[in-house]
Structures are given as structure tokens and as C-alpha cells.
Amino acid sequence: MIQITPVIKSNEIEQVALLAEKIWTEHFTPIIGKPQVEYMLDKFQSTSSITTQLSEGYEYYLISSAGEFVGYTGLKNEADRLMISKLYALDSARGTGIGKKLLEFIESKAFSCQANVIWLTVNKNNTEVISWYKRRGFSIVDSVKADIGDGYFMDDYIMEKAVL
């Protein structure tokens, strides 16, 4: 059974950071390289970064299956839009319906906060994930190249899905 739990306590924040390290290392190292993965984990997915994001209005949720944490998501309500800041699952959990369940949860959150659009950014070279989002009704609406410091850039597509 898949469970989605809000991240509130410090031990839950630490769990997200541990999952992030494992997921990002296994998934993103081939796409952007180990040095950028390490930099981005420290800058965006460390315990202190997640704590700061929570204080700025982000919501994080842990996903568990059979009693084990297998992924997480981060959301930010922006008036009539809901941003998926993060949606990650362990490689071993992919193809099990966890992403679909998470997206259903996110869509219900968007509906409850009266968002018209769900949006996210995804690395242009993350082709498998881009295809996954397209199959779930998202479309590419723009691209952005953002300087994140230390000579690193995020070269992403912006994807959106209308909430009905």
C-alpha cells in the first residue's frame, strides 16, 4: 500500500535529504555529472535547504510503500498555479504506480487550492521523465537555462498541465 505523509518533523526532513542523496546520485549522475549532483544536493536538498523551503511555503511529502520510504515530492502553491518543485522516486520503485499515485495526490492538492495549472521544470536530457509527464497530460511550454552558481546551470523545459 502506498502512503503519502506530510513532512513536518526534523526526522522527516532528514529522511527526505537521505532519499534525495540516493535518488539524485543514481538518476542524475549520468545526466549532469557527479560534481553538479553534489552541488545541487547541498544547495537544494540538504536538511537545512529543505527546512528553509518549508519556512518559505513549500510543502514536502514522503512516499512509502510496504513500510519503506521510496520517494518524495515538494510543492509550492503560487495563487492560481501549483508548482511541482520535486517529484522523485527510487529507481527500484519506478514502474510500481508510485509516480501515478503521487500525481493524483498533486492534482487533488491543485484542485483544493483552486490552481488552474500544475507546472514543473525538467532537465532537457531527462527524456524518460519528459515522456512520462507527456503521457500524463503535461506539455512543454517553454525552456529555461538558469545559473545556479559555481559555474553550473539547469537547462530545463517548463512543462504544464491544466487542472480541470
C-alpha atoms as a PDB file:
ATOM      1  CA  MET A   1       0.000   0.000   0.000  1.00  0.00           C
ATOM      2  CA  ILE A   2       1.278   3.452  -0.960  1.00  0.00           C
ATOM      3  CA  GLN A   3       1.160   6.140   1.716  1.00  0.00           C
ATOM      4  CA  ILE A   4       1.817   9.871   1.341  1.00  0.00           C
ATOM      5  CA  THR A   5       2.823  11.660   4.542  1.00  0.00           C
ATOM      6  CA  PRO A   6       3.432  15.394   5.056  1.00  0.00           C
ATOM      7  CA  VAL A   7       6.976  16.309   6.073  1.00  0.00           C
ATOM      8  CA  ILE A   8       6.838  18.304   9.295  1.00  0.00           C
ATOM      9  CA  LYS A   9       9.301  16.933  11.851  1.00  0.00           C
ATOM     10  CA  SER A  10      13.086  17.188  11.693  1.00  0.00           C
ATOM     11  CA  ASN A  11      13.484  13.404  11.307  1.00  0.00           C
ATOM     12  CA  GLU A  12      11.147  13.531   8.276  1.00  0.00           C
ATOM     13  CA  ILE A  13      13.217  16.358   6.763  1.00  0.00           C
ATOM     14  CA  GLU A  14      16.338  14.251   7.302  1.00  0.00           C
ATOM     15  CA  GLN A  15      14.621  11.313   5.574  1.00  0.00           C
ATOM     16  CA  VAL A  16      13.877  13.482   2.529  1.00  0.00           C
ATOM     17  CA  ALA A  17      17.527  14.584   2.395  1.00  0.00           C
ATOM     18  CA  LEU A  18      18.694  10.946   2.591  1.00  0.00           C
ATOM     19  CA  LEU A  19      16.296   9.915  -0.172  1.00  0.00           C
ATOM     20  CA  ALA A  20      17.387  12.885  -2.282  1.00  0.00           C
ATOM     21  CA  GLU A  21      21.031  11.873  -2.000  1.00  0.00           C
ATOM     22  CA  LYS A  22      20.299   8.311  -3.092  1.00  0.00           C
ATOM     23  CA  ILE A  23      17.834   9.194  -5.869  1.00  0.00           C
ATOM     24  CA  TRP A  24      19.806  12.084  -7.307  1.00  0.00           C
ATOM     25  CA  THR A  25      23.073  10.122  -7.244  1.00  0.00           C
ATOM     26  CA  GLU A  26      21.595   7.121  -9.062  1.00  0.00           C
ATOM     27  CA  HIS A  27      19.429   9.057 -11.522  1.00  0.00           C
ATOM     28  CA  PHE A  28      21.111  12.376 -12.271  1.00  0.00           C
ATOM     29  CA  THR A  29      24.831  11.496 -12.217  1.00  0.00           C
ATOM     30  CA  PRO A  30      24.665  10.102 -15.785  1.00  0.00           C
ATOM     31  CA  ILE A  31      22.732  13.193 -16.941  1.00  0.00           C
ATOM     32  CA  ILE A  32      24.593  16.106 -15.306  1.00  0.00           C
ATOM     33  CA  GLY A  33      27.663  14.516 -13.685  1.00  0.00           C
ATOM     34  CA  LYS A  34      28.688  13.825 -10.106  1.00  0.00           C
ATOM     35  CA  PRO A  35      30.092  17.305  -9.260  1.00  0.00           C
ATOM     36  CA  GLN A  36      26.856  19.079 -10.236  1.00  0.00           C
ATOM     37  CA  VAL A  37      24.734  16.479  -8.439  1.00  0.00           C
ATOM     38  CA  GLU A  38      26.738  17.007  -5.244  1.00  0.00           C
ATOM     39  CA  TYR A  39      26.480  20.789  -5.600  1.00  0.00           C
ATOM     40  CA  MET A  40      22.719  20.687  -6.200  1.00  0.00           C
ATOM     41  CA  LEU A  41      22.100  18.269  -3.321  1.00  0.00           C
ATOM     42  CA  ASP A  42      23.879  20.633  -0.952  1.00  0.00           C
ATOM     43  CA  LYS A  43      22.215  23.752  -2.354  1.00  0.00           C
ATOM     44  CA  PHE A  44      18.641  22.460  -2.822  1.00  0.00           C
ATOM     45  CA  GLN A  45      18.141  19.146  -0.993  1.00  0.00           C
ATOM     46  CA  SER A  46      20.151  19.298   2.216  1.00  0.00           C
ATOM     47  CA  THR A  47      18.364  19.233   5.555  1.00  0.00           C
ATOM     48  CA  SER A  48      18.956  22.971   6.002  1.00  0.00           C
ATOM     49  CA  SER A  49      17.758  23.788   2.455  1.00  0.00           C
ATOM     50  CA  ILE A  50      14.573  21.770   2.882  1.00  0.00           C
ATOM     51  CA  THR A  51      13.954  23.391   6.280  1.00  0.00           C
ATOM     52  CA  THR A  52      14.307  26.831   4.670  1.00  0.00           C
ATOM     53  CA  GLN A  53      11.977  25.861   1.821  1.00  0.00           C
ATOM     54  CA  LEU A  54       9.341  24.678   4.290  1.00  0.00           C
ATOM     55  CA  SER A  55       9.523  28.041   6.070  1.00  0.00           C
ATOM     56  CA  GLU A  56       9.009  29.759   2.688  1.00  0.00           C
ATOM     57  CA  GLY A  57       5.726  27.978   1.981  1.00  0.00           C
ATOM     58  CA  TYR A  58       6.874  24.809   0.219  1.00  0.00           C
ATOM     59  CA  GLU A  59       5.193  21.569   1.220  1.00  0.00           C
ATOM     60  CA  TYR A  60       7.068  18.279   1.205  1.00  0.00           C
ATOM     61  CA  TYR A  61       5.593  14.787   1.307  1.00  0.00           C
ATOM     62  CA  LEU A  62       7.256  11.405   1.818  1.00  0.00           C
ATOM     63  CA  ILE A  63       6.003   8.420  -0.139  1.00  0.00           C
ATOM     64  CA  SER A  64       6.195   4.962   1.382  1.00  0.00           C
ATOM     65  CA  SER A  65       5.345   1.542   0.063  1.00  0.00           C
ATOM     66  CA  ALA A  66       5.263  -1.598   2.187  1.00  0.00           C
ATOM     67  CA  GLY A  67       6.521   0.469   5.115  1.00  0.00           C
ATOM     68  CA  GLU A  68       9.629   1.801   3.347  1.00  0.00           C
ATOM     69  CA  PHE A  69      10.247   5.327   2.088  1.00  0.00           C
ATOM     70  CA  VAL A  70      10.624   5.200  -1.685  1.00  0.00           C
ATOM     71  CA  GLY A  71      10.204   8.804  -2.823  1.00  0.00           C
ATOM     72  CA  TYR A  72       9.159  12.350  -2.094  1.00  0.00           C
ATOM     73  CA  THR A  73       7.597  15.414  -3.620  1.00  0.00           C
ATOM     74  CA  GLY A  74       7.872  19.137  -2.984  1.00  0.00           C
ATOM     75  CA  LEU A  75       5.092  21.556  -3.918  1.00  0.00           C
ATOM     76  CA  LYS A  76       4.635  25.322  -3.900  1.00  0.00           C
ATOM     77  CA  ASN A  77       1.251  26.995  -4.196  1.00  0.00           C
ATOM     78  CA  GLU A  78       1.504  30.119  -6.367  1.00  0.00           C
ATOM     79  CA  ALA A  79      -2.025  31.594  -6.306  1.00  0.00           C
ATOM     80  CA  ASP A  80      -3.699  30.006  -9.348  1.00  0.00           C
ATOM     81  CA  ARG A  81      -0.746  27.699 -10.127  1.00  0.00           C
ATOM     82  CA  LEU A  82       0.787  24.775  -8.271  1.00  0.00           C
ATOM     83  CA  MET A  83       4.480  24.131  -8.840  1.00  0.00           C
ATOM     84  CA  ILE A  84       5.884  20.632  -8.547  1.00  0.00           C
ATOM     85  CA  SER A  85       9.296  21.565  -7.226  1.00  0.00           C
ATOM     86  CA  LYS A  86      10.330  17.945  -6.734  1.00  0.00           C
ATOM     87  CA  LEU A  87       8.872  14.563  -7.608  1.00  0.00           C
ATOM     88  CA  TYR A  88      11.361  11.756  -7.166  1.00  0.00           C
ATOM     89  CA  ALA A  89      11.272   8.008  -6.603  1.00  0.00           C
ATOM     90  CA  LEU A  90      13.976   5.422  -6.118  1.00  0.00           C
ATOM     91  CA  ASP A  91      14.870   3.544  -9.289  1.00  0.00           C
ATOM     92  CA  SER A  92      13.680   0.354  -7.578  1.00  0.00           C
ATOM     93  CA  ALA A  93      10.227   1.922  -7.068  1.00  0.00           C
ATOM     94  CA  ARG A  94       9.721   3.108 -10.626  1.00  0.00           C
ATOM     95  CA  GLY A  95       7.087   1.306 -12.626  1.00  0.00           C
ATOM     96  CA  THR A  96       5.139   0.384  -9.481  1.00  0.00           C
ATOM     97  CA  GLY A  97       2.472   3.094  -9.717  1.00  0.00           C
ATOM     98  CA  ILE A  98       4.049   5.386  -7.146  1.00  0.00           C
ATOM     99  CA  GLY A  99       4.517   8.281  -9.591  1.00  0.00           C
ATOM    100  CA  LYS A 100       0.949   7.950 -10.820  1.00  0.00           C
ATOM    101  CA  LYS A 101      -0.367   7.907  -7.243  1.00  0.00           C
ATOM    102  CA  LEU A 102       1.728  10.962  -6.410  1.00  0.00           C
ATOM    103  CA  LEU A 103       0.460  12.826  -9.452  1.00  0.00           C
ATOM    104  CA  GLU A 104      -3.141  12.026  -8.461  1.00  0.00           C
ATOM    105  CA  PHE A 105      -2.359  13.404  -4.998  1.00  0.00           C
ATOM    106  CA  ILE A 106      -0.815  16.554  -6.525  1.00  0.00           C
ATOM    107  CA  GLU A 107      -3.829  17.053  -8.790  1.00  0.00           C
ATOM    108  CA  SER A 108      -6.155  16.807  -5.782  1.00  0.00           C
ATOM    109  CA  LYS A 109      -3.979  19.384  -3.964  1.00  0.00           C
ATOM    110  CA  ALA A 110      -4.213  21.676  -7.014  1.00  0.00           C
ATOM    111  CA  PHE A 111      -7.975  21.296  -7.071  1.00  0.00           C
ATOM    112  CA  SER A 112      -8.296  22.029  -3.344  1.00  0.00           C
ATOM    113  CA  CYS A 113      -6.166  25.180  -3.594  1.00  0.00           C
ATOM    114  CA  GLN A 114      -8.048  26.266  -6.755  1.00  0.00           C
ATOM    115  CA  ALA A 115      -4.991  26.154  -9.016  1.00  0.00           C
ATOM    116  CA  ASN A 116      -5.692  26.233 -12.752  1.00  0.00           C
ATOM    117  CA  VAL A 117      -2.311  24.825 -13.754  1.00  0.00           C
ATOM    118  CA  ILE A 118       0.271  22.406 -12.407  1.00  0.00           C
ATOM    119  CA  TRP A 119       3.775  23.170 -13.653  1.00  0.00           C
ATOM    120  CA  LEU A 120       7.343  21.948 -13.245  1.00  0.00           C
ATOM    121  CA  THR A 121      10.796  22.092 -14.752  1.00  0.00           C
ATOM    122  CA  VAL A 122      12.622  19.025 -16.040  1.00  0.00           C
ATOM    123  CA  ASN A 123      16.158  18.644 -17.370  1.00  0.00           C
ATOM    124  CA  LYS A 124      16.129  18.630 -21.176  1.00  0.00           C
ATOM    125  CA  ASN A 125      18.203  15.425 -21.222  1.00  0.00           C
ATOM    126  CA  ASN A 126      15.884  13.573 -18.838  1.00  0.00           C
ATOM    127  CA  THR A 127      13.996  12.109 -21.799  1.00  0.00           C
ATOM    128  CA  GLU A 128      12.367   9.192 -19.983  1.00  0.00           C
ATOM    129  CA  VAL A 129      10.824  11.512 -17.397  1.00  0.00           C
ATOM    130  CA  ILE A 130       9.741  14.037 -20.047  1.00  0.00           C
ATOM    131  CA  SER A 131       7.903  11.215 -21.824  1.00  0.00           C
ATOM    132  CA  TRP A 132       6.334  10.099 -18.533  1.00  0.00           C
ATOM    133  CA  TYR A 133       4.934  13.590 -17.907  1.00  0.00           C
ATOM    134  CA  LYS A 134       3.674  13.876 -21.501  1.00  0.00           C
ATOM    135  CA  ARG A 135       1.769  10.591 -21.110  1.00  0.00           C
ATOM    136  CA  ARG A 136       0.075  12.153 -18.091  1.00  0.00           C
ATOM    137  CA  GLY A 137      -1.145  15.252 -19.906  1.00  0.00           C
ATOM    138  CA  PHE A 138       1.756  17.670 -19.453  1.00  0.00           C
ATOM    139  CA  SER A 139       3.160  19.616 -22.373  1.00  0.00           C
ATOM    140  CA  ILE A 140       6.347  21.590 -22.880  1.00  0.00           C
ATOM    141  CA  VAL A 141       5.520  25.305 -22.861  1.00  0.00           C
ATOM    142  CA  ASP A 142       8.981  26.880 -22.650  1.00  0.00           C
ATOM    143  CA  SER A 143      12.613  26.287 -21.825  1.00  0.00           C
ATOM    144  CA  VAL A 144      14.897  27.979 -19.359  1.00  0.00           C
ATOM    145  CA  LYS A 145      18.604  27.942 -18.616  1.00  0.00           C
ATOM    146  CA  ALA A 146      19.232  29.070 -15.039  1.00  0.00           C
ATOM    147  CA  ASP A 147      22.594  29.860 -13.498  1.00  0.00           C
ATOM    148  CA  ILE A 148      22.626  28.113 -10.115  1.00  0.00           C
ATOM    149  CA  GLY A 149      26.136  29.170  -9.120  1.00  0.00           C
ATOM    150  CA  ASP A 150      29.656  27.713  -9.174  1.00  0.00           C
ATOM    151  CA  GLY A 151      29.530  27.581 -12.981  1.00  0.00           C
ATOM    152  CA  TYR A 152      26.544  25.205 -13.027  1.00  0.00           C
ATOM    153  CA  PHE A 153      23.336  25.672 -14.972  1.00  0.00           C
ATOM    154  CA  MET A 154      19.961  23.998 -15.002  1.00  0.00           C
ATOM    155  CA  ASP A 155      18.957  23.584 -18.650  1.00  0.00           C
ATOM    156  CA  ASP A 156      15.283  22.682 -18.359  1.00  0.00           C
ATOM    157  CA  TYR A 157      11.962  22.504 -20.095  1.00  0.00           C
ATOM    158  CA  ILE A 158       8.972  24.068 -18.395  1.00  0.00           C
ATOM    159  CA  MET A 159       6.015  21.696 -18.531  1.00  0.00           C
ATOM    160  CA  GLU A 160       2.394  22.412 -17.636  1.00  0.00           C
ATOM    161  CA  LYS A 161      -0.879  20.615 -17.242  1.00  0.00           C
ATOM    162  CA  ALA A 162      -4.262  22.294 -16.948  1.00  0.00           C
ATOM    163  CA  VAL A 163      -6.276  21.289 -13.902  1.00  0.00           C
ATOM    164  CA  LEU A 164      -9.872  20.544 -14.800  1.00  0.00           C
END
